[in-house]
Amino acid sequence: MKTNFFKKLMMPLAVMVLGIATAFTTTSMSSTKALVPVQGYKFISQADPCHIDAMCSNVVSVNLCTSGSSQLWGKVTPNAPTCDVKLYRP
């Protein structure tokens, strides 16, 4: 009698576990950021610390975003006076 009860219980339990795991996977997939280009800025001088240069990415990779031999940086907000966010090649 006990084994018959457990056999009937196993299939619905397995379906519930699979459903919960799928729900967590779907939720984590929707929270990834879209690959949106970010404006890169180059330091020229104290008078022009954030000179607009090229489009980069903020998704971490091995290749830093550069223009010639200069590394490009991003701003925390578009109105920020400094450029101190590390950017990468898309």
Protein backbone atom coordinates (compact mmCIF):
# COMPACT_ATOMS: atom_id res chain seq x y z
CA MET A 1 0.00 0.00 0.00
CA LYS A 2 2.79 2.42 0.91
CA THR A 3 4.73 1.86 -2.34
CA ASN A 4 1.58 2.42 -4.40
CA PHE A 5 1.01 5.76 -2.60
CA PHE A 6 4.60 6.93 -3.29
CA LYS A 7 4.41 5.92 -6.97
CA LYS A 8 1.28 8.04 -7.39
CA LEU A 9 2.93 10.97 -5.60
CA MET A 10 6.22 10.99 -7.54
CA MET A 11 4.94 12.12 -10.96
CA PRO A 12 3.02 15.23 -9.72
CA LEU A 13 5.96 16.13 -7.47
CA ALA A 14 8.40 15.88 -10.40
CA VAL A 15 6.13 18.08 -12.54
CA MET A 16 5.95 20.72 -9.79
CA VAL A 17 9.74 20.79 -9.36
CA LEU A 18 10.23 21.12 -13.12
CA GLY A 19 7.67 23.94 -13.28
CA ILE A 20 9.32 25.88 -10.46
CA ALA A 21 12.78 25.48 -12.02
CA THR A 22 11.44 26.70 -15.38
CA ALA A 23 9.83 29.74 -13.76
CA PHE A 24 13.11 30.78 -12.12
CA THR A 25 15.00 30.30 -15.39
CA THR A 26 12.51 32.40 -17.34
CA THR A 27 12.65 35.19 -14.75
CA SER A 28 16.44 35.33 -14.78
CA MET A 29 16.53 35.40 -18.60
CA SER A 30 14.25 38.44 -18.78
CA SER A 31 16.43 40.46 -16.39
CA THR A 32 19.48 40.60 -18.69
CA LYS A 33 20.35 43.99 -20.14
CA ALA A 34 19.96 44.63 -23.81
CA LEU A 35 23.14 45.40 -25.69
CA VAL A 36 22.83 49.16 -26.08
CA PRO A 37 25.77 51.23 -27.35
CA VAL A 38 27.25 53.66 -24.84
CA GLN A 39 28.97 56.93 -25.76
CA GLY A 40 32.73 56.78 -25.16
CA TYR A 41 34.70 59.86 -24.11
CA LYS A 42 38.42 60.62 -24.36
CA PHE A 43 40.42 62.75 -21.92
CA ILE A 44 42.03 65.65 -23.84
CA SER A 45 42.92 68.18 -21.12
CA GLN A 46 41.60 69.62 -17.84
CA ALA A 47 39.55 72.07 -19.90
CA ASP A 48 38.07 69.20 -21.99
CA PRO A 49 38.06 66.10 -19.73
CA CYS A 50 35.25 64.31 -21.60
CA HIS A 51 35.62 64.73 -25.35
CA ILE A 52 33.05 62.71 -27.35
CA ASP A 53 34.79 60.08 -29.45
CA ALA A 54 33.23 56.69 -30.32
CA MET A 55 30.48 54.26 -29.34
CA CYS A 56 31.41 51.48 -26.92
CA SER A 57 29.71 48.92 -24.68
CA ASN A 58 29.39 48.60 -20.91
CA VAL A 59 29.21 44.78 -21.10
CA VAL A 60 32.43 43.45 -19.57
CA SER A 61 34.80 41.78 -22.05
CA VAL A 62 38.54 41.30 -22.54
CA ASN A 63 38.92 44.20 -25.00
CA LEU A 64 38.83 47.74 -23.60
CA CYS A 65 37.29 50.43 -25.77
CA THR A 66 40.05 52.55 -27.29
CA SER A 67 40.55 55.22 -29.92
CA GLY A 68 44.08 55.10 -31.24
CA SER A 69 46.22 54.67 -28.13
CA SER A 70 43.73 56.38 -25.78
CA GLN A 71 41.30 54.45 -23.60
CA LEU A 72 37.70 55.64 -23.79
CA TRP A 73 35.56 56.12 -20.69
CA GLY A 74 31.85 56.54 -20.04
CA LYS A 75 29.76 58.76 -17.79
CA VAL A 76 27.58 57.55 -14.92
CA THR A 77 24.82 59.91 -16.12
CA PRO A 78 24.74 61.99 -19.31
CA ASN A 79 25.17 65.22 -17.30
CA ALA A 80 28.08 63.99 -15.15
CA PRO A 81 31.17 66.25 -15.30
CA THR A 82 33.64 63.35 -15.16
CA CYS A 83 34.17 60.24 -17.24
CA ASP A 84 35.15 57.37 -14.97
CA VAL A 85 33.16 54.32 -16.16
CA LYS A 86 35.28 51.65 -17.84
CA LEU A 87 33.98 50.77 -21.32
CA TYR A 88 34.63 47.80 -23.60
CA ARG A 89 34.56 47.02 -27.31
CA PRO A 90 31.12 45.86 -28.48
